[in-house]
Amino acid sequence: MGGRLRDLRRTASSIAAQLLEPLGAEVFVFAPRAARTDPEAQDGLQALREEASSRGLFRILHVEYFDEDAHLRAAVRQMTPKMLQLLAAVDGNWLGGLPANLSDGIEKPRSAAKGEIFNYIQHDRCLRFYQRLGTHGRRLVYTRTDFVWRCPHLPLELLEATFSLDDGRTGRSVIWIPESGWDDYGGIYDNHAVLDARSARTFLGGWQQILRGETIS
């Protein structure tokens, strides 16, 4: 689960009742380091903990606070000037206000200017923990803290047959994503997905693809 912990103040109850409890989920949450000392963020996390304690059908397995800026600066230092130039030239808001920072490769990004690139970083943290946990037989449901669930999540049992379509030889990945209606911006919706080990690498691996230069030519 990625996003702002403070959003859980209003969403924890529906997330618990309609998503986590029906799935019997083990929850891992990723948030910026600043959330550790943000009272509203901690109130949100506490709301989720209380839901977990009262229901007893899911548990919070891991909470990770990571330094977004340090993570980005370390990655930028690995990139060649040519790659930085190509990334900065890509249209859209995915870099937020970062092109000026990318020009010298080390400047700390302004917190108010962060774009979609930080979603990729959260995806990467989620993927790394999932792989450390052990992926065999485990389904991964990636979602956000700001979603208000109005009905129960589709049972994973109904989706199991489709994962068998990926037999490990075709190279295809099976990924279940909701029909978002409008906020996929003409692309693939990346805020909620049901994944297995292979498709998790595909869906959550965008940050590593960026670092390897696979997203630009």
C-alpha atoms as a PDB file:
ATOM      1  CA  MET A   1       0.000   0.000   0.000  1.00  0.00           C
ATOM      2  CA  GLY A   2       1.465   3.317  -1.060  1.00  0.00           C
ATOM      3  CA  GLY A   3       0.416   6.920  -0.636  1.00  0.00           C
ATOM      4  CA  ARG A   4      -0.014   9.438   2.149  1.00  0.00           C
ATOM      5  CA  LEU A   5      -0.581   7.959   5.578  1.00  0.00           C
ATOM      6  CA  ARG A   6      -2.694  10.940   6.622  1.00  0.00           C
ATOM      7  CA  ASP A   7      -5.348   9.826   4.114  1.00  0.00           C
ATOM      8  CA  LEU A   8      -5.960   6.753   6.274  1.00  0.00           C
ATOM      9  CA  ARG A   9      -7.704   8.963   8.813  1.00  0.00           C
ATOM     10  CA  ARG A  10     -10.761   8.888   6.541  1.00  0.00           C
ATOM     11  CA  THR A  11     -10.173   5.683   4.568  1.00  0.00           C
ATOM     12  CA  ALA A  12      -8.922   3.130   7.129  1.00  0.00           C
ATOM     13  CA  SER A  13     -12.384   1.828   7.999  1.00  0.00           C
ATOM     14  CA  SER A  14     -13.456   1.138   4.405  1.00  0.00           C
ATOM     15  CA  ILE A  15     -10.048  -0.258   3.436  1.00  0.00           C
ATOM     16  CA  ALA A  16     -10.204  -2.641   6.381  1.00  0.00           C
ATOM     17  CA  ALA A  17     -13.817  -3.713   5.865  1.00  0.00           C
ATOM     18  CA  GLN A  18     -13.939  -3.947   2.079  1.00  0.00           C
ATOM     19  CA  LEU A  19     -10.362  -4.807   1.069  1.00  0.00           C
ATOM     20  CA  LEU A  20      -8.087  -6.165   3.777  1.00  0.00           C
ATOM     21  CA  GLU A  21     -10.538  -8.233   5.805  1.00  0.00           C
ATOM     22  CA  PRO A  22     -12.155 -10.007   2.808  1.00  0.00           C
ATOM     23  CA  LEU A  23      -8.695 -10.838   1.460  1.00  0.00           C
ATOM     24  CA  GLY A  24      -7.234 -11.857   4.833  1.00  0.00           C
ATOM     25  CA  ALA A  25      -4.317  -9.679   3.857  1.00  0.00           C
ATOM     26  CA  GLU A  26      -0.868  -9.157   5.279  1.00  0.00           C
ATOM     27  CA  VAL A  27      -0.291  -5.444   4.878  1.00  0.00           C
ATOM     28  CA  PHE A  28       2.900  -3.617   4.092  1.00  0.00           C
ATOM     29  CA  VAL A  29       2.842   0.164   3.849  1.00  0.00           C
ATOM     30  CA  PHE A  30       5.354   2.537   2.266  1.00  0.00           C
ATOM     31  CA  ALA A  31       5.524   6.252   3.039  1.00  0.00           C
ATOM     32  CA  PRO A  32       7.967   9.170   2.826  1.00  0.00           C
ATOM     33  CA  ARG A  33      10.325   9.530   5.773  1.00  0.00           C
ATOM     34  CA  ALA A  34       8.667  12.798   6.789  1.00  0.00           C
ATOM     35  CA  ALA A  35       5.506  10.843   7.653  1.00  0.00           C
ATOM     36  CA  ARG A  36       7.280   9.360  10.674  1.00  0.00           C
ATOM     37  CA  THR A  37       7.094  12.708  12.484  1.00  0.00           C
ATOM     38  CA  ASP A  38       3.872  14.006  10.920  1.00  0.00           C
ATOM     39  CA  PRO A  39       1.084  13.816  13.552  1.00  0.00           C
ATOM     40  CA  GLU A  40      -1.655  13.510  10.929  1.00  0.00           C
ATOM     41  CA  ALA A  41       0.225  10.714   9.166  1.00  0.00           C
ATOM     42  CA  GLN A  42       0.698   8.857  12.431  1.00  0.00           C
ATOM     43  CA  ASP A  43      -2.988   9.310  13.255  1.00  0.00           C
ATOM     44  CA  GLY A  44      -3.812   7.678   9.925  1.00  0.00           C
ATOM     45  CA  LEU A  45      -1.493   4.749  10.562  1.00  0.00           C
ATOM     46  CA  GLN A  46      -2.911   4.335  14.058  1.00  0.00           C
ATOM     47  CA  ALA A  47      -6.429   4.236  12.607  1.00  0.00           C
ATOM     48  CA  LEU A  48      -5.385   1.325  10.380  1.00  0.00           C
ATOM     49  CA  ARG A  49      -3.690  -0.442  13.300  1.00  0.00           C
ATOM     50  CA  GLU A  50      -6.853  -0.129  15.370  1.00  0.00           C
ATOM     51  CA  GLU A  51      -8.924  -1.571  12.539  1.00  0.00           C
ATOM     52  CA  ALA A  52      -6.499  -4.489  12.300  1.00  0.00           C
ATOM     53  CA  SER A  53      -6.620  -5.063  16.049  1.00  0.00           C
ATOM     54  CA  SER A  54     -10.417  -4.953  16.280  1.00  0.00           C
ATOM     55  CA  ARG A  55     -11.049  -7.235  13.310  1.00  0.00           C
ATOM     56  CA  GLY A  56      -8.236  -9.737  13.703  1.00  0.00           C
ATOM     57  CA  LEU A  57      -8.550 -10.997  10.129  1.00  0.00           C
ATOM     58  CA  PHE A  58      -5.604  -9.126   8.679  1.00  0.00           C
ATOM     59  CA  ARG A  59      -2.337  -7.826  10.068  1.00  0.00           C
ATOM     60  CA  ILE A  60       0.091  -5.020   9.394  1.00  0.00           C
ATOM     61  CA  LEU A  61       3.294  -6.836   8.561  1.00  0.00           C
ATOM     62  CA  HIS A  62       5.647  -3.994   7.698  1.00  0.00           C
ATOM     63  CA  VAL A  63       5.780  -0.192   7.637  1.00  0.00           C
ATOM     64  CA  GLU A  64       8.684   1.386   5.764  1.00  0.00           C
ATOM     65  CA  TYR A  65       9.622   5.051   5.816  1.00  0.00           C
ATOM     66  CA  PHE A  66      12.056   5.942   3.079  1.00  0.00           C
ATOM     67  CA  ASP A  67      13.849   9.125   2.107  1.00  0.00           C
ATOM     68  CA  GLU A  68      12.411   9.934  -1.310  1.00  0.00           C
ATOM     69  CA  ASP A  69      14.903  12.686  -2.039  1.00  0.00           C
ATOM     70  CA  ALA A  70      17.965  10.633  -1.107  1.00  0.00           C
ATOM     71  CA  HIS A  71      16.602   7.707  -3.130  1.00  0.00           C
ATOM     72  CA  LEU A  72      16.220   9.930  -6.175  1.00  0.00           C
ATOM     73  CA  ARG A  73      19.578  11.662  -5.784  1.00  0.00           C
ATOM     74  CA  ALA A  74      21.387   8.331  -5.524  1.00  0.00           C
ATOM     75  CA  ALA A  75      19.666   7.135  -8.688  1.00  0.00           C
ATOM     76  CA  VAL A  76      20.393  10.340 -10.589  1.00  0.00           C
ATOM     77  CA  ARG A  77      24.100  10.020  -9.791  1.00  0.00           C
ATOM     78  CA  GLN A  78      24.091   6.644 -11.559  1.00  0.00           C
ATOM     79  CA  MET A  79      22.662   8.093 -14.771  1.00  0.00           C
ATOM     80  CA  THR A  80      24.710   9.463 -17.621  1.00  0.00           C
ATOM     81  CA  PRO A  81      24.252  13.108 -18.658  1.00  0.00           C
ATOM     82  CA  LYS A  82      22.735  11.871 -21.920  1.00  0.00           C
ATOM     83  CA  MET A  83      20.141   9.777 -20.090  1.00  0.00           C
ATOM     84  CA  LEU A  84      19.254  12.708 -17.832  1.00  0.00           C
ATOM     85  CA  GLN A  85      18.799  14.912 -20.867  1.00  0.00           C
ATOM     86  CA  LEU A  86      16.493  12.394 -22.525  1.00  0.00           C
ATOM     87  CA  LEU A  87      14.438  11.895 -19.367  1.00  0.00           C
ATOM     88  CA  ALA A  88      14.000  15.633 -18.873  1.00  0.00           C
ATOM     89  CA  ALA A  89      12.725  15.942 -22.449  1.00  0.00           C
ATOM     90  CA  VAL A  90       9.861  13.453 -21.966  1.00  0.00           C
ATOM     91  CA  ASP A  91       6.494  15.219 -22.097  1.00  0.00           C
ATOM     92  CA  GLY A  92       4.003  15.074 -19.248  1.00  0.00           C
ATOM     93  CA  ASN A  93       4.043  15.762 -15.526  1.00  0.00           C
ATOM     94  CA  TRP A  94       5.845  12.616 -14.448  1.00  0.00           C
ATOM     95  CA  LEU A  95       8.938  14.581 -13.383  1.00  0.00           C
ATOM     96  CA  GLY A  96       6.952  17.333 -11.696  1.00  0.00           C
ATOM     97  CA  GLY A  97       9.332  20.280 -11.245  1.00  0.00           C
ATOM     98  CA  LEU A  98      12.473  18.183 -11.423  1.00  0.00           C
ATOM     99  CA  PRO A  99      14.117  19.059 -14.782  1.00  0.00           C
ATOM    100  CA  ALA A 100      15.984  21.973 -13.197  1.00  0.00           C
ATOM    101  CA  ASN A 101      17.243  19.626 -10.506  1.00  0.00           C
ATOM    102  CA  LEU A 102      18.191  16.947 -12.999  1.00  0.00           C
ATOM    103  CA  SER A 103      20.386  19.367 -14.911  1.00  0.00           C
ATOM    104  CA  ASP A 104      23.141  19.184 -12.313  1.00  0.00           C
ATOM    105  CA  GLY A 105      22.241  15.730 -11.083  1.00  0.00           C
ATOM    106  CA  ILE A 106      22.392  16.330  -7.344  1.00  0.00           C
ATOM    107  CA  GLU A 107      20.101  19.161  -6.232  1.00  0.00           C
ATOM    108  CA  LYS A 108      17.417  18.195  -3.715  1.00  0.00           C
ATOM    109  CA  PRO A 109      13.956  18.261  -5.344  1.00  0.00           C
ATOM    110  CA  ARG A 110      11.423  20.708  -3.960  1.00  0.00           C
ATOM    111  CA  SER A 111       8.822  18.750  -2.005  1.00  0.00           C
ATOM    112  CA  ALA A 112       5.964  20.594  -3.707  1.00  0.00           C
ATOM    113  CA  ALA A 113       7.318  19.873  -7.161  1.00  0.00           C
ATOM    114  CA  LYS A 114       7.402  16.108  -7.125  1.00  0.00           C
ATOM    115  CA  GLY A 115       5.744  14.345 -10.009  1.00  0.00           C
ATOM    116  CA  GLU A 116       4.734  10.824 -10.910  1.00  0.00           C
ATOM    117  CA  ILE A 117       8.336   9.678 -10.663  1.00  0.00           C
ATOM    118  CA  PHE A 118       7.814   9.140  -6.942  1.00  0.00           C
ATOM    119  CA  ASN A 119       5.011   6.683  -7.649  1.00  0.00           C
ATOM    120  CA  TYR A 120       7.622   4.603  -9.463  1.00  0.00           C
ATOM    121  CA  ILE A 121       9.835   4.741  -6.385  1.00  0.00           C
ATOM    122  CA  GLN A 122       6.979   3.530  -4.173  1.00  0.00           C
ATOM    123  CA  HIS A 123       6.305   0.727  -6.648  1.00  0.00           C
ATOM    124  CA  ASP A 124       9.957  -0.258  -6.418  1.00  0.00           C
ATOM    125  CA  ARG A 125       9.932  -0.376  -2.607  1.00  0.00           C
ATOM    126  CA  CYS A 126       6.815  -2.541  -2.664  1.00  0.00           C
ATOM    127  CA  LEU A 127       8.328  -4.942  -5.200  1.00  0.00           C
ATOM    128  CA  ARG A 128      11.547  -5.295  -3.214  1.00  0.00           C
ATOM    129  CA  PHE A 129       9.729  -6.173  -0.004  1.00  0.00           C
ATOM    130  CA  TYR A 130       7.418  -8.617  -1.785  1.00  0.00           C
ATOM    131  CA  GLN A 131      10.431 -10.416  -3.236  1.00  0.00           C
ATOM    132  CA  ARG A 132      12.209 -10.508   0.142  1.00  0.00           C
ATOM    133  CA  LEU A 133       9.074 -11.906   1.733  1.00  0.00           C
ATOM    134  CA  GLY A 134       8.939 -14.782  -0.725  1.00  0.00           C
ATOM    135  CA  THR A 135       6.660 -14.742  -3.727  1.00  0.00           C
ATOM    136  CA  HIS A 136       5.807 -18.426  -4.119  1.00  0.00           C
ATOM    137  CA  GLY A 137       2.050 -18.855  -4.085  1.00  0.00           C
ATOM    138  CA  ARG A 138       1.484 -15.331  -2.812  1.00  0.00           C
ATOM    139  CA  ARG A 139      -0.723 -12.855  -4.599  1.00  0.00           C
ATOM    140  CA  LEU A 140       0.175  -9.204  -4.290  1.00  0.00           C
ATOM    141  CA  VAL A 141      -2.537  -6.555  -4.272  1.00  0.00           C
ATOM    142  CA  TYR A 142      -1.030  -3.122  -4.784  1.00  0.00           C
ATOM    143  CA  THR A 143      -3.290  -0.247  -3.765  1.00  0.00           C
ATOM    144  CA  ARG A 144      -3.365   3.265  -2.344  1.00  0.00           C
ATOM    145  CA  THR A 145      -4.115   4.759   1.034  1.00  0.00           C
ATOM    146  CA  ASP A 146      -6.561   7.355  -0.305  1.00  0.00           C
ATOM    147  CA  PHE A 147      -9.137   4.943  -1.761  1.00  0.00           C
ATOM    148  CA  VAL A 148     -12.556   4.799  -0.112  1.00  0.00           C
ATOM    149  CA  TRP A 149     -13.921   1.294  -0.743  1.00  0.00           C
ATOM    150  CA  ARG A 150     -17.696   1.171  -1.226  1.00  0.00           C
ATOM    151  CA  CYS A 151     -17.992  -2.570  -1.838  1.00  0.00           C
ATOM    152  CA  PRO A 152     -15.860  -5.670  -1.146  1.00  0.00           C
ATOM    153  CA  HIS A 153     -12.859  -6.433  -3.305  1.00  0.00           C
ATOM    154  CA  LEU A 154     -13.375  -9.195  -5.831  1.00  0.00           C
ATOM    155  CA  PRO A 155     -12.385 -12.535  -4.217  1.00  0.00           C
ATOM    156  CA  LEU A 156      -8.976 -13.681  -5.396  1.00  0.00           C
ATOM    157  CA  GLU A 157     -10.416 -17.150  -6.002  1.00  0.00           C
ATOM    158  CA  LEU A 158     -12.322 -15.759  -8.980  1.00  0.00           C
ATOM    159  CA  LEU A 159      -9.071 -14.552 -10.524  1.00  0.00           C
ATOM    160  CA  GLU A 160      -6.921 -17.623  -9.907  1.00  0.00           C
ATOM    161  CA  ALA A 161      -7.783 -19.382 -13.164  1.00  0.00           C
ATOM    162  CA  THR A 162      -6.465 -16.475 -15.203  1.00  0.00           C
ATOM    163  CA  PHE A 163      -3.051 -16.589 -13.547  1.00  0.00           C
ATOM    164  CA  SER A 164      -2.659 -20.108 -14.934  1.00  0.00           C
ATOM    165  CA  LEU A 165      -2.648 -18.555 -18.415  1.00  0.00           C
ATOM    166  CA  ASP A 166       0.910 -17.520 -17.635  1.00  0.00           C
ATOM    167  CA  ASP A 167       2.708 -20.853 -17.736  1.00  0.00           C
ATOM    168  CA  GLY A 168       6.176 -19.348 -17.460  1.00  0.00           C
ATOM    169  CA  ARG A 169       6.976 -20.092 -21.098  1.00  0.00           C
ATOM    170  CA  THR A 170       4.980 -17.507 -23.012  1.00  0.00           C
ATOM    171  CA  GLY A 171       6.603 -14.525 -21.321  1.00  0.00           C
ATOM    172  CA  ARG A 172       3.181 -13.029 -20.730  1.00  0.00           C
ATOM    173  CA  SER A 173       2.164 -11.536 -17.416  1.00  0.00           C
ATOM    174  CA  VAL A 174      -1.391 -11.611 -16.077  1.00  0.00           C
ATOM    175  CA  ILE A 175      -2.341  -8.387 -14.325  1.00  0.00           C
ATOM    176  CA  TRP A 176      -5.789  -7.505 -13.031  1.00  0.00           C
ATOM    177  CA  ILE A 177      -6.520  -3.774 -12.915  1.00  0.00           C
ATOM    178  CA  PRO A 178      -9.859  -2.004 -12.442  1.00  0.00           C
ATOM    179  CA  GLU A 179     -11.586   0.031 -15.115  1.00  0.00           C
ATOM    180  CA  SER A 180     -10.804   3.479 -13.762  1.00  0.00           C
ATOM    181  CA  GLY A 181     -13.119   5.403 -16.048  1.00  0.00           C
ATOM    182  CA  TRP A 182     -11.045   8.549 -16.319  1.00  0.00           C
ATOM    183  CA  ASP A 183      -7.872   8.768 -14.251  1.00  0.00           C
ATOM    184  CA  ASP A 184      -5.640   6.487 -16.288  1.00  0.00           C
ATOM    185  CA  TYR A 185      -4.918   9.458 -18.574  1.00  0.00           C
ATOM    186  CA  GLY A 186      -5.049   7.257 -21.643  1.00  0.00           C
ATOM    187  CA  GLY A 187      -2.558   4.733 -20.293  1.00  0.00           C
ATOM    188  CA  ILE A 188      -2.612   1.762 -17.935  1.00  0.00           C
ATOM    189  CA  TYR A 189      -4.120   2.392 -14.519  1.00  0.00           C
ATOM    190  CA  ASP A 190      -1.343   1.968 -11.948  1.00  0.00           C
ATOM    191  CA  ASN A 191      -2.989   2.676  -8.592  1.00  0.00           C
ATOM    192  CA  HIS A 192      -4.532  -0.736  -7.921  1.00  0.00           C
ATOM    193  CA  ALA A 193      -3.660  -4.164  -9.264  1.00  0.00           C
ATOM    194  CA  VAL A 194      -3.761  -7.882  -8.434  1.00  0.00           C
ATOM    195  CA  LEU A 195      -0.431  -9.501  -9.262  1.00  0.00           C
ATOM    196  CA  ASP A 196       1.581 -12.686  -9.041  1.00  0.00           C
ATOM    197  CA  ALA A 197       5.371 -12.992  -8.938  1.00  0.00           C
ATOM    198  CA  ARG A 198       5.888 -12.542 -12.689  1.00  0.00           C
ATOM    199  CA  SER A 199       3.369  -9.762 -13.173  1.00  0.00           C
ATOM    200  CA  ALA A 200       4.612  -7.932 -10.065  1.00  0.00           C
ATOM    201  CA  ARG A 201       7.971  -7.481 -11.788  1.00  0.00           C
ATOM    202  CA  THR A 202       6.195  -6.152 -14.863  1.00  0.00           C
ATOM    203  CA  PHE A 203       3.760  -3.834 -13.102  1.00  0.00           C
ATOM    204  CA  LEU A 204       5.999  -2.543 -10.309  1.00  0.00           C
ATOM    205  CA  GLY A 205       9.332  -2.650 -12.135  1.00  0.00           C
ATOM    206  CA  GLY A 206       9.123   0.719 -13.869  1.00  0.00           C
ATOM    207  CA  TRP A 207      11.738   2.365 -11.666  1.00  0.00           C
ATOM    208  CA  GLN A 208      14.368  -0.242 -12.487  1.00  0.00           C
ATOM    209  CA  GLN A 209      13.494   0.062 -16.181  1.00  0.00           C
ATOM    210  CA  ILE A 210      14.092   3.803 -15.930  1.00  0.00           C
ATOM    211  CA  LEU A 211      17.462   3.293 -14.226  1.00  0.00           C
ATOM    212  CA  ARG A 212      18.517   0.808 -16.899  1.00  0.00           C
ATOM    213  CA  GLY A 213      17.558   3.226 -19.656  1.00  0.00           C
ATOM    214  CA  GLU A 214      14.964   0.841 -21.088  1.00  0.00           C
ATOM    215  CA  THR A 215      12.232   3.478 -21.211  1.00  0.00           C
ATOM    216  CA  ILE A 216      14.082   5.843 -23.537  1.00  0.00           C
ATOM    217  CA  SER A 217      15.814   5.430 -26.858  1.00  0.00           C
END
